[in-house]
Amino acid sequence: MSATSAIPIAQNLISIFAATPTPRFIKVSIKDEQLVHDTSIAAASSFDADLALLPDILEDHVPAYILANLAPSEWIAISYVPDSAKVRDKMLYASSRASLLRSLGSTLFTDSIFATTKADLTPDAYASHRRHVNAPQPLSPREQEMADARAVESGGAYEGSRARVNHVGTGVGFPWSQDLEDAVTQLAEGEQCAIVVVEIDRATETLVLKSSTDASIETLSTLLPPSQPSYAFFAWPHTPQKRDIIFIYACPSASPIKDRMFYSSGVATTYLATKVLLPPGALAARKIETSDPTELDEQYLREELGLDLDAPPLEVQEEKKAFARPKGPARRR
């Protein structure tokens, strides 16, 4: 958590924020160790339409705050911090945000947006943000049972003892595409070593299938994107009697910050949704998380999963042991 800076706010900025008529957007910058008014944009149309004007006042490599007026006494705090900004500027803007909002009245700000590019502040990007904010909250197991019961009572399609629903797309985290759900289900039904790689479709905020292929523990590290975050389900028969499906979250250090934040927000809910989808015991009890996919080898997986590090490779375990003559008694001295 960033420490709060002691940078003061200029009186001129306070006056403009309280002015009538209220500007649609107020750009705030840090200059000479002070939060100052940079420029303003008057309301011209609806809020969504006016968003198209916002990129014109932003610079590609310079952070800024945007105070966006949604309605009377209702503001959105936008933190615009490009990935290419100087490290000192990133730290300064991160630590000054709370002071800015507190000075202007925190209760007036009903939403927050964190952007790293101008593309994050378009009308389409804002619509996607609102869908995410308004998405149903995760349900407890008991609440989910009640929701299923209500679906049956309301005349929903019935299959067996419960309504037919998408097991992993009912408001818990990101929804799954049908081909991804089918691929993961088939993965659990197989017997060989295989992998399903998952990516997030940013436009629809949906988990989609990137690839599904046979694999081995030796090739695992080469099957994940080297510079983009991803999820993966790796089916690994690490003993003749046990085949686990391992959930892997890979977030390479070279990944864009926005992608890292997006993928990290869905790790827990994606893992829990998989437990619902797969048969009991099919999913490994521990998740694997790494910032360097190249480190994913057999030793790393055994250490992270708490497996026996001294266990011989699978092919050695399957070899039949030759008859061994019993040892004779120890010689007496």
C-alpha atoms as a PDB file:
ATOM      1  CA  MET A   1       0.000   0.000   0.000  1.00  0.00           C
ATOM      2  CA  SER A   2       1.403   3.402  -1.011  1.00  0.00           C
ATOM      3  CA  ALA A   3       2.150   5.920   1.725  1.00  0.00           C
ATOM      4  CA  THR A   4       0.183   9.159   1.516  1.00  0.00           C
ATOM      5  CA  SER A   5       2.217  12.165   0.411  1.00  0.00           C
ATOM      6  CA  ALA A   6       1.994  15.604   1.984  1.00  0.00           C
ATOM      7  CA  ILE A   7       1.711  17.484  -1.321  1.00  0.00           C
ATOM      8  CA  PRO A   8      -0.706  20.419  -0.847  1.00  0.00           C
ATOM      9  CA  ILE A   9      -3.595  21.280  -3.151  1.00  0.00           C
ATOM     10  CA  ALA A  10      -3.738  24.686  -4.856  1.00  0.00           C
ATOM     11  CA  GLN A  11      -6.595  26.985  -3.850  1.00  0.00           C
ATOM     12  CA  ASN A  12      -7.336  27.635  -7.523  1.00  0.00           C
ATOM     13  CA  LEU A  13      -8.063  23.925  -8.038  1.00  0.00           C
ATOM     14  CA  ILE A  14     -10.520  23.899  -5.126  1.00  0.00           C
ATOM     15  CA  SER A  15     -12.323  26.921  -6.586  1.00  0.00           C
ATOM     16  CA  ILE A  16     -12.653  25.368 -10.045  1.00  0.00           C
ATOM     17  CA  PHE A  17     -13.897  22.097  -8.570  1.00  0.00           C
ATOM     18  CA  ALA A  18     -16.680  23.987  -6.746  1.00  0.00           C
ATOM     19  CA  ALA A  19     -17.469  26.338  -9.647  1.00  0.00           C
ATOM     20  CA  THR A  20     -20.826  26.639 -11.417  1.00  0.00           C
ATOM     21  CA  PRO A  21     -21.378  25.461 -14.088  1.00  0.00           C
ATOM     22  CA  THR A  22     -19.333  22.412 -13.230  1.00  0.00           C
ATOM     23  CA  PRO A  23     -16.760  21.333 -15.847  1.00  0.00           C
ATOM     24  CA  ARG A  24     -17.154  17.847 -17.269  1.00  0.00           C
ATOM     25  CA  PHE A  25     -13.468  17.046 -16.783  1.00  0.00           C
ATOM     26  CA  ILE A  26     -10.799  18.682 -14.639  1.00  0.00           C
ATOM     27  CA  LYS A  27      -7.219  17.667 -15.303  1.00  0.00           C
ATOM     28  CA  VAL A  28      -4.991  17.831 -12.216  1.00  0.00           C
ATOM     29  CA  SER A  29      -1.192  17.708 -12.378  1.00  0.00           C
ATOM     30  CA  ILE A  30       1.607  17.818  -9.837  1.00  0.00           C
ATOM     31  CA  LYS A  31       3.837  20.822 -10.468  1.00  0.00           C
ATOM     32  CA  ASP A  32       6.375  22.384  -8.114  1.00  0.00           C
ATOM     33  CA  GLU A  33       5.360  19.924  -5.382  1.00  0.00           C
ATOM     34  CA  GLN A  34       1.713  21.022  -5.532  1.00  0.00           C
ATOM     35  CA  LEU A  35      -1.551  19.626  -6.913  1.00  0.00           C
ATOM     36  CA  VAL A  36      -2.679  22.196  -9.466  1.00  0.00           C
ATOM     37  CA  HIS A  37      -5.405  22.708 -12.062  1.00  0.00           C
ATOM     38  CA  ASP A  38      -4.036  21.923 -15.513  1.00  0.00           C
ATOM     39  CA  THR A  39      -6.994  22.265 -17.869  1.00  0.00           C
ATOM     40  CA  SER A  40     -10.744  21.704 -18.017  1.00  0.00           C
ATOM     41  CA  ILE A  41     -13.319  20.473 -20.523  1.00  0.00           C
ATOM     42  CA  ALA A  42     -16.895  21.745 -20.377  1.00  0.00           C
ATOM     43  CA  ALA A  43     -19.835  19.369 -20.714  1.00  0.00           C
ATOM     44  CA  ALA A  44     -20.916  19.194 -24.360  1.00  0.00           C
ATOM     45  CA  SER A  45     -23.163  16.147 -24.473  1.00  0.00           C
ATOM     46  CA  SER A  46     -23.767  13.026 -22.392  1.00  0.00           C
ATOM     47  CA  PHE A  47     -21.006  11.729 -20.157  1.00  0.00           C
ATOM     48  CA  ASP A  48     -20.297   8.769 -22.454  1.00  0.00           C
ATOM     49  CA  ALA A  49     -20.087  11.025 -25.509  1.00  0.00           C
ATOM     50  CA  ASP A  50     -17.835  13.527 -23.727  1.00  0.00           C
ATOM     51  CA  LEU A  51     -15.368  10.757 -22.890  1.00  0.00           C
ATOM     52  CA  ALA A  52     -14.251  10.894 -26.520  1.00  0.00           C
ATOM     53  CA  LEU A  53     -12.759  14.350 -25.755  1.00  0.00           C
ATOM     54  CA  LEU A  54     -10.630  13.126 -22.878  1.00  0.00           C
ATOM     55  CA  PRO A  55      -7.616  11.661 -24.764  1.00  0.00           C
ATOM     56  CA  ASP A  56      -6.947  15.100 -26.293  1.00  0.00           C
ATOM     57  CA  ILE A  57      -5.769  16.507 -22.965  1.00  0.00           C
ATOM     58  CA  LEU A  58      -3.630  13.523 -21.932  1.00  0.00           C
ATOM     59  CA  GLU A  59       0.018  12.894 -22.780  1.00  0.00           C
ATOM     60  CA  ASP A  60       1.405   9.483 -23.679  1.00  0.00           C
ATOM     61  CA  HIS A  61       4.130   9.390 -21.016  1.00  0.00           C
ATOM     62  CA  VAL A  62       2.978  11.874 -18.335  1.00  0.00           C
ATOM     63  CA  PRO A  63       0.650  10.878 -15.429  1.00  0.00           C
ATOM     64  CA  ALA A  64      -2.344  12.983 -14.431  1.00  0.00           C
ATOM     65  CA  TYR A  65      -5.529  12.880 -12.416  1.00  0.00           C
ATOM     66  CA  ILE A  66      -8.882  13.474 -14.116  1.00  0.00           C
ATOM     67  CA  LEU A  67     -11.850  14.558 -12.013  1.00  0.00           C
ATOM     68  CA  ALA A  68     -14.866  13.529 -14.086  1.00  0.00           C
ATOM     69  CA  ASN A  69     -18.289  14.977 -13.279  1.00  0.00           C
ATOM     70  CA  LEU A  70     -20.954  12.336 -13.847  1.00  0.00           C
ATOM     71  CA  ALA A  71     -23.881  14.194 -12.307  1.00  0.00           C
ATOM     72  CA  PRO A  72     -24.439  16.905  -9.663  1.00  0.00           C
ATOM     73  CA  SER A  73     -22.362  15.984  -6.588  1.00  0.00           C
ATOM     74  CA  GLU A  74     -21.268  12.751  -8.269  1.00  0.00           C
ATOM     75  CA  TRP A  75     -17.681  12.472  -9.470  1.00  0.00           C
ATOM     76  CA  ILE A  76     -15.360   9.787 -10.799  1.00  0.00           C
ATOM     77  CA  ALA A  77     -11.686   9.849  -9.782  1.00  0.00           C
ATOM     78  CA  ILE A  78      -9.504   8.806 -12.717  1.00  0.00           C
ATOM     79  CA  SER A  79      -5.826   8.030 -12.163  1.00  0.00           C
ATOM     80  CA  TYR A  80      -3.956   8.046 -15.460  1.00  0.00           C
ATOM     81  CA  VAL A  81      -0.451   6.593 -15.036  1.00  0.00           C
ATOM     82  CA  PRO A  82       1.162   5.320 -18.285  1.00  0.00           C
ATOM     83  CA  ASP A  83       3.454   2.299 -18.078  1.00  0.00           C
ATOM     84  CA  SER A  84       6.141   4.401 -19.752  1.00  0.00           C
ATOM     85  CA  ALA A  85       6.045   7.181 -17.128  1.00  0.00           C
ATOM     86  CA  LYS A  86       9.082   7.824 -14.955  1.00  0.00           C
ATOM     87  CA  VAL A  87       9.221   5.684 -11.822  1.00  0.00           C
ATOM     88  CA  ARG A  88       9.383   8.735  -9.556  1.00  0.00           C
ATOM     89  CA  ASP A  89       6.251  10.174 -11.198  1.00  0.00           C
ATOM     90  CA  LYS A  90       4.411   6.882 -10.779  1.00  0.00           C
ATOM     91  CA  MET A  91       5.223   6.794  -7.071  1.00  0.00           C
ATOM     92  CA  LEU A  92       4.331  10.460  -6.605  1.00  0.00           C
ATOM     93  CA  TYR A  93       0.911  10.157  -8.235  1.00  0.00           C
ATOM     94  CA  ALA A  94       0.139   6.903  -6.424  1.00  0.00           C
ATOM     95  CA  SER A  95       0.907   8.444  -3.036  1.00  0.00           C
ATOM     96  CA  SER A  96      -0.964  11.740  -3.663  1.00  0.00           C
ATOM     97  CA  ARG A  97      -4.320  10.388  -4.802  1.00  0.00           C
ATOM     98  CA  ALA A  98      -5.824   9.961  -1.328  1.00  0.00           C
ATOM     99  CA  SER A  99      -4.822  13.494  -0.303  1.00  0.00           C
ATOM    100  CA  LEU A 100      -6.427  14.960  -3.430  1.00  0.00           C
ATOM    101  CA  LEU A 101      -9.762  13.210  -2.885  1.00  0.00           C
ATOM    102  CA  ARG A 102      -9.797  13.956   0.830  1.00  0.00           C
ATOM    103  CA  SER A 103      -9.160  17.644   0.213  1.00  0.00           C
ATOM    104  CA  LEU A 104     -12.025  17.896  -2.282  1.00  0.00           C
ATOM    105  CA  GLY A 105     -14.453  15.688  -0.340  1.00  0.00           C
ATOM    106  CA  SER A 106     -14.132  11.918  -0.582  1.00  0.00           C
ATOM    107  CA  THR A 107     -17.895  11.349  -0.373  1.00  0.00           C
ATOM    108  CA  LEU A 108     -18.393  13.136  -3.696  1.00  0.00           C
ATOM    109  CA  PHE A 109     -16.429  10.445  -5.561  1.00  0.00           C
ATOM    110  CA  THR A 110     -18.637   7.443  -6.269  1.00  0.00           C
ATOM    111  CA  ASP A 111     -16.303   5.516  -8.579  1.00  0.00           C
ATOM    112  CA  SER A 112     -12.623   5.170  -9.450  1.00  0.00           C
ATOM    113  CA  ILE A 113     -10.832   4.266 -12.678  1.00  0.00           C
ATOM    114  CA  PHE A 114      -7.159   3.379 -12.995  1.00  0.00           C
ATOM    115  CA  ALA A 115      -5.862   3.792 -16.550  1.00  0.00           C
ATOM    116  CA  THR A 116      -2.472   3.175 -18.131  1.00  0.00           C
ATOM    117  CA  THR A 117      -3.317   4.162 -21.716  1.00  0.00           C
ATOM    118  CA  LYS A 118      -5.696   6.554 -23.460  1.00  0.00           C
ATOM    119  CA  ALA A 119      -7.541   3.505 -24.767  1.00  0.00           C
ATOM    120  CA  ASP A 120      -8.620   2.757 -21.187  1.00  0.00           C
ATOM    121  CA  LEU A 121     -10.673   5.974 -21.172  1.00  0.00           C
ATOM    122  CA  THR A 122     -12.821   5.597 -24.278  1.00  0.00           C
ATOM    123  CA  PRO A 123     -16.635   5.262 -24.171  1.00  0.00           C
ATOM    124  CA  ASP A 124     -16.303   1.508 -24.885  1.00  0.00           C
ATOM    125  CA  ALA A 125     -13.738   1.064 -22.106  1.00  0.00           C
ATOM    126  CA  TYR A 126     -16.011   2.891 -19.654  1.00  0.00           C
ATOM    127  CA  ALA A 127     -18.970   0.697 -20.647  1.00  0.00           C
ATOM    128  CA  SER A 128     -16.820  -2.374 -19.962  1.00  0.00           C
ATOM    129  CA  HIS A 129     -15.826  -0.915 -16.586  1.00  0.00           C
ATOM    130  CA  ARG A 130     -19.465  -0.371 -15.617  1.00  0.00           C
ATOM    131  CA  ARG A 131     -20.379  -3.940 -16.590  1.00  0.00           C
ATOM    132  CA  HIS A 132     -17.623  -5.199 -14.323  1.00  0.00           C
ATOM    133  CA  VAL A 133     -18.723  -2.967 -11.421  1.00  0.00           C
ATOM    134  CA  ASN A 134     -22.376  -3.966 -11.810  1.00  0.00           C
ATOM    135  CA  ALA A 135     -21.705  -7.692 -12.168  1.00  0.00           C
ATOM    136  CA  PRO A 136     -23.417  -9.868  -9.518  1.00  0.00           C
ATOM    137  CA  GLN A 137     -21.417 -10.462  -6.385  1.00  0.00           C
ATOM    138  CA  PRO A 138     -20.107 -14.003  -5.707  1.00  0.00           C
ATOM    139  CA  LEU A 139     -22.606 -16.249  -3.961  1.00  0.00           C
ATOM    140  CA  SER A 140     -21.971 -18.511  -1.013  1.00  0.00           C
ATOM    141  CA  PRO A 141     -22.739 -22.234  -1.559  1.00  0.00           C
ATOM    142  CA  ARG A 142     -26.037 -21.814   0.303  1.00  0.00           C
ATOM    143  CA  GLU A 143     -26.994 -18.733  -1.725  1.00  0.00           C
ATOM    144  CA  GLN A 144     -26.157 -20.611  -4.948  1.00  0.00           C
ATOM    145  CA  GLU A 145     -28.417 -23.499  -3.930  1.00  0.00           C
ATOM    146  CA  MET A 146     -31.272 -21.063  -3.311  1.00  0.00           C
ATOM    147  CA  ALA A 147     -30.652 -19.374  -6.660  1.00  0.00           C
ATOM    148  CA  ASP A 148     -30.735 -22.774  -8.417  1.00  0.00           C
ATOM    149  CA  ALA A 149     -33.981 -23.641  -6.636  1.00  0.00           C
ATOM    150  CA  ARG A 150     -35.558 -20.357  -7.721  1.00  0.00           C
ATOM    151  CA  ALA A 151     -34.458 -21.038 -11.309  1.00  0.00           C
ATOM    152  CA  VAL A 152     -36.252 -24.392 -11.258  1.00  0.00           C
ATOM    153  CA  GLU A 153     -39.381 -22.916  -9.685  1.00  0.00           C
ATOM    154  CA  SER A 154     -39.491 -20.142 -12.280  1.00  0.00           C
ATOM    155  CA  GLY A 155     -39.701 -22.668 -15.110  1.00  0.00           C
ATOM    156  CA  GLY A 156     -36.055 -22.948 -16.152  1.00  0.00           C
ATOM    157  CA  ALA A 157     -34.925 -25.996 -18.099  1.00  0.00           C
ATOM    158  CA  TYR A 158     -34.459 -28.973 -15.806  1.00  0.00           C
ATOM    159  CA  GLU A 159     -31.694 -31.555 -16.009  1.00  0.00           C
ATOM    160  CA  GLY A 160     -31.547 -34.299 -13.411  1.00  0.00           C
ATOM    161  CA  SER A 161     -32.048 -32.761  -9.982  1.00  0.00           C
ATOM    162  CA  ARG A 162     -31.124 -29.176 -10.864  1.00  0.00           C
ATOM    163  CA  ALA A 163     -31.634 -26.486 -13.460  1.00  0.00           C
ATOM    164  CA  ARG A 164     -29.340 -26.625 -16.478  1.00  0.00           C
ATOM    165  CA  VAL A 165     -26.961 -23.691 -16.059  1.00  0.00           C
ATOM    166  CA  ASN A 166     -23.444 -22.826 -17.146  1.00  0.00           C
ATOM    167  CA  HIS A 167     -21.463 -24.111 -14.159  1.00  0.00           C
ATOM    168  CA  VAL A 168     -18.781 -21.442 -14.389  1.00  0.00           C
ATOM    169  CA  GLY A 169     -20.531 -18.395 -15.808  1.00  0.00           C
ATOM    170  CA  THR A 170     -23.105 -17.442 -13.175  1.00  0.00           C
ATOM    171  CA  GLY A 171     -21.622 -14.309 -11.687  1.00  0.00           C
ATOM    172  CA  VAL A 172     -18.540 -15.710  -9.986  1.00  0.00           C
ATOM    173  CA  GLY A 173     -15.495 -14.044 -11.547  1.00  0.00           C
ATOM    174  CA  PHE A 174     -15.091 -14.014 -15.327  1.00  0.00           C
ATOM    175  CA  PRO A 175     -17.575 -16.073 -17.364  1.00  0.00           C
ATOM    176  CA  TRP A 176     -16.218 -18.991 -19.408  1.00  0.00           C
ATOM    177  CA  SER A 177     -16.724 -19.573 -23.121  1.00  0.00           C
ATOM    178  CA  GLN A 178     -18.419 -22.870 -23.966  1.00  0.00           C
ATOM    179  CA  ASP A 179     -15.423 -24.260 -25.868  1.00  0.00           C
ATOM    180  CA  LEU A 180     -13.179 -23.592 -22.861  1.00  0.00           C
ATOM    181  CA  GLU A 181     -15.569 -25.374 -20.498  1.00  0.00           C
ATOM    182  CA  ASP A 182     -15.717 -28.334 -22.899  1.00  0.00           C
ATOM    183  CA  ALA A 183     -11.899 -28.454 -23.199  1.00  0.00           C
ATOM    184  CA  VAL A 184     -11.369 -28.492 -19.429  1.00  0.00           C
ATOM    185  CA  THR A 185     -14.072 -31.129 -18.960  1.00  0.00           C
ATOM    186  CA  GLN A 186     -12.441 -33.347 -21.611  1.00  0.00           C
ATOM    187  CA  LEU A 187      -9.058 -32.790 -19.985  1.00  0.00           C
ATOM    188  CA  ALA A 188     -10.372 -34.342 -16.773  1.00  0.00           C
ATOM    189  CA  GLU A 189     -11.705 -37.366 -18.680  1.00  0.00           C
ATOM    190  CA  GLY A 190      -8.352 -38.210 -20.292  1.00  0.00           C
ATOM    191  CA  GLU A 191      -5.450 -40.254 -19.003  1.00  0.00           C
ATOM    192  CA  GLN A 192      -2.409 -38.689 -20.663  1.00  0.00           C
ATOM    193  CA  CYS A 193      -0.360 -35.588 -19.902  1.00  0.00           C
ATOM    194  CA  ALA A 194      -2.035 -32.578 -21.561  1.00  0.00           C
ATOM    195  CA  ILE A 195      -2.576 -28.842 -21.148  1.00  0.00           C
ATOM    196  CA  VAL A 196      -5.312 -26.274 -21.748  1.00  0.00           C
ATOM    197  CA  VAL A 197      -4.109 -22.654 -21.949  1.00  0.00           C
ATOM    198  CA  VAL A 198      -6.588 -19.859 -21.180  1.00  0.00           C
ATOM    199  CA  GLU A 199      -6.640 -16.152 -21.967  1.00  0.00           C
ATOM    200  CA  ILE A 200      -9.044 -13.334 -21.130  1.00  0.00           C
ATOM    201  CA  ASP A 201     -10.911 -11.658 -23.968  1.00  0.00           C
ATOM    202  CA  ARG A 202     -10.654  -8.040 -22.787  1.00  0.00           C
ATOM    203  CA  ALA A 203     -13.516  -6.853 -25.011  1.00  0.00           C
ATOM    204  CA  THR A 204     -16.052  -9.222 -23.419  1.00  0.00           C
ATOM    205  CA  GLU A 205     -14.230  -9.921 -20.125  1.00  0.00           C
ATOM    206  CA  THR A 206     -14.615 -13.639 -20.804  1.00  0.00           C
ATOM    207  CA  LEU A 207     -12.238 -16.566 -20.270  1.00  0.00           C
ATOM    208  CA  VAL A 208     -11.583 -18.153 -23.676  1.00  0.00           C
ATOM    209  CA  LEU A 209      -9.613 -21.138 -24.954  1.00  0.00           C
ATOM    210  CA  LYS A 210      -6.175 -20.212 -26.305  1.00  0.00           C
ATOM    211  CA  SER A 211      -4.876 -23.725 -26.945  1.00  0.00           C
ATOM    212  CA  SER A 212      -5.398 -27.357 -25.986  1.00  0.00           C
ATOM    213  CA  THR A 213      -2.695 -29.915 -26.681  1.00  0.00           C
ATOM    214  CA  ASP A 214      -0.808 -32.957 -25.459  1.00  0.00           C
ATOM    215  CA  ALA A 215       2.140 -32.022 -23.277  1.00  0.00           C
ATOM    216  CA  SER A 216       4.832 -33.348 -20.998  1.00  0.00           C
ATOM    217  CA  ILE A 217       6.494 -32.057 -17.871  1.00  0.00           C
ATOM    218  CA  GLU A 218       9.589 -31.339 -19.993  1.00  0.00           C
ATOM    219  CA  THR A 219       7.686 -29.134 -22.490  1.00  0.00           C
ATOM    220  CA  LEU A 220       5.363 -27.421 -19.997  1.00  0.00           C
ATOM    221  CA  SER A 221       7.456 -24.253 -19.683  1.00  0.00           C
ATOM    222  CA  THR A 222       7.436 -23.712 -23.461  1.00  0.00           C
ATOM    223  CA  LEU A 223       3.652 -23.901 -23.826  1.00  0.00           C
ATOM    224  CA  LEU A 224       2.817 -20.731 -21.884  1.00  0.00           C
ATOM    225  CA  PRO A 225       3.074 -17.188 -23.347  1.00  0.00           C
ATOM    226  CA  PRO A 226       6.490 -15.693 -22.398  1.00  0.00           C
ATOM    227  CA  SER A 227       5.390 -12.043 -22.207  1.00  0.00           C
ATOM    228  CA  GLN A 228       1.649 -12.119 -21.416  1.00  0.00           C
ATOM    229  CA  PRO A 229      -0.262 -13.386 -18.366  1.00  0.00           C
ATOM    230  CA  SER A 230      -2.252 -16.583 -18.774  1.00  0.00           C
ATOM    231  CA  TYR A 231      -4.047 -19.320 -16.910  1.00  0.00           C
ATOM    232  CA  ALA A 232      -3.441 -22.988 -17.665  1.00  0.00           C
ATOM    233  CA  PHE A 233      -4.796 -26.379 -16.637  1.00  0.00           C
ATOM    234  CA  PHE A 234      -2.025 -28.975 -16.739  1.00  0.00           C
ATOM    235  CA  ALA A 235      -3.052 -32.632 -16.455  1.00  0.00           C
ATOM    236  CA  TRP A 236      -0.098 -34.469 -14.960  1.00  0.00           C
ATOM    237  CA  PRO A 237      -0.016 -38.224 -14.149  1.00  0.00           C
ATOM    238  CA  HIS A 238       2.839 -37.866 -11.665  1.00  0.00           C
ATOM    239  CA  THR A 239       2.416 -41.454 -10.421  1.00  0.00           C
ATOM    240  CA  PRO A 240       0.773 -44.528 -12.037  1.00  0.00           C
ATOM    241  CA  GLN A 241      -2.101 -44.168  -9.588  1.00  0.00           C
ATOM    242  CA  LYS A 242      -2.545 -40.390  -9.491  1.00  0.00           C
ATOM    243  CA  ARG A 243      -3.260 -37.849 -12.242  1.00  0.00           C
ATOM    244  CA  ASP A 244      -3.846 -34.280 -11.043  1.00  0.00           C
ATOM    245  CA  ILE A 245      -5.132 -31.297 -12.969  1.00  0.00           C
ATOM    246  CA  ILE A 246      -3.016 -28.366 -11.838  1.00  0.00           C
ATOM    247  CA  PHE A 247      -4.198 -24.772 -12.121  1.00  0.00           C
ATOM    248  CA  ILE A 248      -1.333 -22.486 -13.155  1.00  0.00           C
ATOM    249  CA  TYR A 249      -1.306 -18.693 -13.144  1.00  0.00           C
ATOM    250  CA  ALA A 250       1.676 -17.381 -15.088  1.00  0.00           C
ATOM    251  CA  CYS A 251       2.365 -13.650 -15.005  1.00  0.00           C
ATOM    252  CA  PRO A 252       5.716 -12.889 -16.681  1.00  0.00           C
ATOM    253  CA  SER A 253       7.577  -9.857 -15.345  1.00  0.00           C
ATOM    254  CA  ALA A 254       7.537  -8.309 -18.816  1.00  0.00           C
ATOM    255  CA  SER A 255       3.712  -8.274 -18.927  1.00  0.00           C
ATOM    256  CA  PRO A 256       1.949  -4.888 -19.165  1.00  0.00           C
ATOM    257  CA  ILE A 257       0.792  -3.643 -15.756  1.00  0.00           C
ATOM    258  CA  LYS A 258      -2.831  -3.411 -16.867  1.00  0.00           C
ATOM    259  CA  ASP A 259      -2.832  -7.075 -17.946  1.00  0.00           C
ATOM    260  CA  ARG A 260      -1.214  -8.141 -14.668  1.00  0.00           C
ATOM    261  CA  MET A 261      -3.940  -6.401 -12.658  1.00  0.00           C
ATOM    262  CA  PHE A 262      -6.675  -7.843 -14.881  1.00  0.00           C
ATOM    263  CA  TYR A 263      -5.491 -11.458 -14.652  1.00  0.00           C
ATOM    264  CA  SER A 264      -4.610 -11.321 -10.946  1.00  0.00           C
ATOM    265  CA  SER A 265      -8.168 -10.229 -10.130  1.00  0.00           C
ATOM    266  CA  GLY A 266      -9.542 -13.491 -11.543  1.00  0.00           C
ATOM    267  CA  VAL A 267      -7.150 -16.090 -10.122  1.00  0.00           C
ATOM    268  CA  ALA A 268      -9.130 -17.099  -7.047  1.00  0.00           C
ATOM    269  CA  THR A 269     -12.562 -17.131  -8.707  1.00  0.00           C
ATOM    270  CA  THR A 270     -11.290 -19.074 -11.743  1.00  0.00           C
ATOM    271  CA  TYR A 271      -9.770 -21.721  -9.459  1.00  0.00           C
ATOM    272  CA  LEU A 272     -12.991 -22.013  -7.435  1.00  0.00           C
ATOM    273  CA  ALA A 273     -15.106 -22.221 -10.592  1.00  0.00           C
ATOM    274  CA  THR A 274     -12.912 -25.083 -11.818  1.00  0.00           C
ATOM    275  CA  LYS A 275     -13.509 -27.006  -8.576  1.00  0.00           C
ATOM    276  CA  VAL A 276     -17.237 -26.768  -9.282  1.00  0.00           C
ATOM    277  CA  LEU A 277     -16.824 -27.897 -12.897  1.00  0.00           C
ATOM    278  CA  LEU A 278     -14.524 -30.891 -12.349  1.00  0.00           C
ATOM    279  CA  PRO A 279     -15.206 -34.115 -10.434  1.00  0.00           C
ATOM    280  CA  PRO A 280     -14.185 -34.085  -6.752  1.00  0.00           C
ATOM    281  CA  GLY A 281     -10.474 -34.682  -6.298  1.00  0.00           C
ATOM    282  CA  ALA A 282      -9.556 -34.025  -9.941  1.00  0.00           C
ATOM    283  CA  LEU A 283      -8.144 -30.542  -9.292  1.00  0.00           C
ATOM    284  CA  ALA A 284      -4.911 -30.300  -7.314  1.00  0.00           C
ATOM    285  CA  ALA A 285      -5.411 -28.792  -3.859  1.00  0.00           C
ATOM    286  CA  ARG A 286      -2.772 -26.112  -4.465  1.00  0.00           C
ATOM    287  CA  LYS A 287      -2.461 -23.521  -7.209  1.00  0.00           C
ATOM    288  CA  ILE A 288       0.800 -22.790  -9.013  1.00  0.00           C
ATOM    289  CA  GLU A 289       1.717 -19.127  -9.501  1.00  0.00           C
ATOM    290  CA  THR A 290       4.861 -17.958 -11.275  1.00  0.00           C
ATOM    291  CA  SER A 291       6.352 -14.826 -12.794  1.00  0.00           C
ATOM    292  CA  ASP A 292       8.763 -16.898 -14.896  1.00  0.00           C
ATOM    293  CA  PRO A 293       7.187 -19.739 -16.924  1.00  0.00           C
ATOM    294  CA  THR A 294      10.638 -21.174 -17.692  1.00  0.00           C
ATOM    295  CA  GLU A 295      10.965 -22.342 -14.081  1.00  0.00           C
ATOM    296  CA  LEU A 296       8.057 -24.772 -14.447  1.00  0.00           C
ATOM    297  CA  ASP A 297       9.796 -28.138 -14.321  1.00  0.00           C
ATOM    298  CA  GLU A 298       9.148 -31.342 -12.372  1.00  0.00           C
ATOM    299  CA  GLN A 299      11.109 -30.287  -9.302  1.00  0.00           C
ATOM    300  CA  TYR A 300       9.315 -26.936  -9.110  1.00  0.00           C
ATOM    301  CA  LEU A 301       5.866 -28.532  -9.385  1.00  0.00           C
ATOM    302  CA  ARG A 302       6.658 -31.179  -6.776  1.00  0.00           C
ATOM    303  CA  GLU A 303       7.921 -28.539  -4.339  1.00  0.00           C
ATOM    304  CA  GLU A 304       4.912 -26.255  -4.866  1.00  0.00           C
ATOM    305  CA  LEU A 305       2.387 -29.087  -4.651  1.00  0.00           C
ATOM    306  CA  GLY A 306       4.047 -30.738  -1.661  1.00  0.00           C
ATOM    307  CA  LEU A 307       4.698 -34.000  -3.508  1.00  0.00           C
ATOM    308  CA  ASP A 308       7.451 -36.497  -2.705  1.00  0.00           C
ATOM    309  CA  LEU A 309      10.646 -34.977  -4.118  1.00  0.00           C
ATOM    310  CA  ASP A 310      12.400 -38.360  -3.955  1.00  0.00           C
ATOM    311  CA  ALA A 311       9.828 -40.110  -6.105  1.00  0.00           C
ATOM    312  CA  PRO A 312      11.386 -41.555  -9.303  1.00  0.00           C
ATOM    313  CA  PRO A 313      10.112 -40.442 -12.713  1.00  0.00           C
ATOM    314  CA  LEU A 314       6.858 -41.983 -13.905  1.00  0.00           C
ATOM    315  CA  GLU A 315       8.482 -44.243 -16.503  1.00  0.00           C
ATOM    316  CA  VAL A 316      10.869 -45.653 -13.874  1.00  0.00           C
ATOM    317  CA  GLN A 317       7.990 -46.372 -11.501  1.00  0.00           C
ATOM    318  CA  GLU A 318       6.201 -48.332 -14.203  1.00  0.00           C
ATOM    319  CA  GLU A 319       9.151 -50.636 -14.916  1.00  0.00           C
ATOM    320  CA  LYS A 320       8.830 -54.073 -13.351  1.00  0.00           C
ATOM    321  CA  LYS A 321      11.490 -54.761 -10.805  1.00  0.00           C
ATOM    322  CA  ALA A 322      13.679 -57.820 -11.544  1.00  0.00           C
ATOM    323  CA  PHE A 323      13.830 -60.547  -8.954  1.00  0.00           C
ATOM    324  CA  ALA A 324      16.420 -59.700  -6.331  1.00  0.00           C
ATOM    325  CA  ARG A 325      18.154 -62.467  -4.330  1.00  0.00           C
ATOM    326  CA  PRO A 326      17.590 -61.931  -0.587  1.00  0.00           C
ATOM    327  CA  LYS A 327      20.611 -60.660   1.272  1.00  0.00           C
ATOM    328  CA  GLY A 328      22.383 -63.130   3.505  1.00  0.00           C
ATOM    329  CA  PRO A 329      23.002 -62.575   7.201  1.00  0.00           C
ATOM    330  CA  ALA A 330      25.602 -60.005   8.127  1.00  0.00           C
ATOM    331  CA  ARG A 331      29.081 -61.371   8.715  1.00  0.00           C
ATOM    332  CA  ARG A 332      30.154 -61.786  12.263  1.00  0.00           C
ATOM    333  CA  ARG A 333      33.325 -60.032  13.282  1.00  0.00           C
END
